[in-house]
Amino acid sequence: MNYIYLIINIAVIFFPLVLSFDKKVHFFSKWKFIFPAILLTGVIFLIWDILFTRLNVWSFNPDYIVGINFFGLPLEEILFFLTVPYACVFIYECLNVYFPKNKLQKYSLALSNLFLGLSVAILFFAYNRWYTLINFGFLLIVLAYVEYVNVKLRFMYRFYRAYLVSLIPFYIVNGFLTAIPVVMYNNKENIGFRVGTIPFEDHFYLMSLLLMNVFLYELFKSRAGKSDLIRL
């Protein structure tokens, strides 16, 4: 039972890692862009994770982890910031290769504005809850930067498409983590609404995590002259 979280991590990355050598996608050839993106994003989210653990925003069930800890976090939680971003960016890249048309890009800004407005509204009404505050505050900052400051790289339609597909494994994996439960949430620090056993905020936690990874991934590709994105 102590290996449950570790097994989930392995399951998340197994097929994306094996399929990284697919002849059409060649995802392994882009590791030099994805791993720095995962590392930089992971540092930020690990600091966030350490803070939340100490503030009792969430905790980890000792029955389902191996017991190796760093900075108060289980080894499996640290691996989470490698396995999940890798799998999600792999989905993003596969969709780009197999479905390269980007005609809906013109609608992505409206969708981003909707999420920006949602973030502002939730922050206004639930600013006194740590998970809600930092989650939607971070999403507001990153999304606003990508859409309104970094105007040269236009990838948000591709991002939203990958995010939508990523929700499928998200519900499976996070469903296990919150139902068993491996991760236990303090409902005093979130709005208390759940989709099944998954806190509402987790959906936007995934959005922030994937958005920062994809942005850095595309940024590093563009600097190396390997990006095919539309430039304004």
Foldseek 3Di string as FASTA:
>chain_A
DQCQLVVLLCVLQVVLVVCCCPPQLVVVVLCVLQVVLLVVLLVVVVVVVLVCCVVPQKDFDNVHHPPDDDSRHGPSVSSCSVRLLSSLVSLLSVCCRVPVDDVCLVVLVVVLVVLLVVLVVQCVVQVPAALSNVLSVLLNVLSCCVVPPVQFFRCRVSLVVSLVVSVVVVCVSVVDCQVVPRMGGDCSRAVNDADNRHGPSVSSSSSSSNSSSVVSSQVVCVVVVNDPGHGD
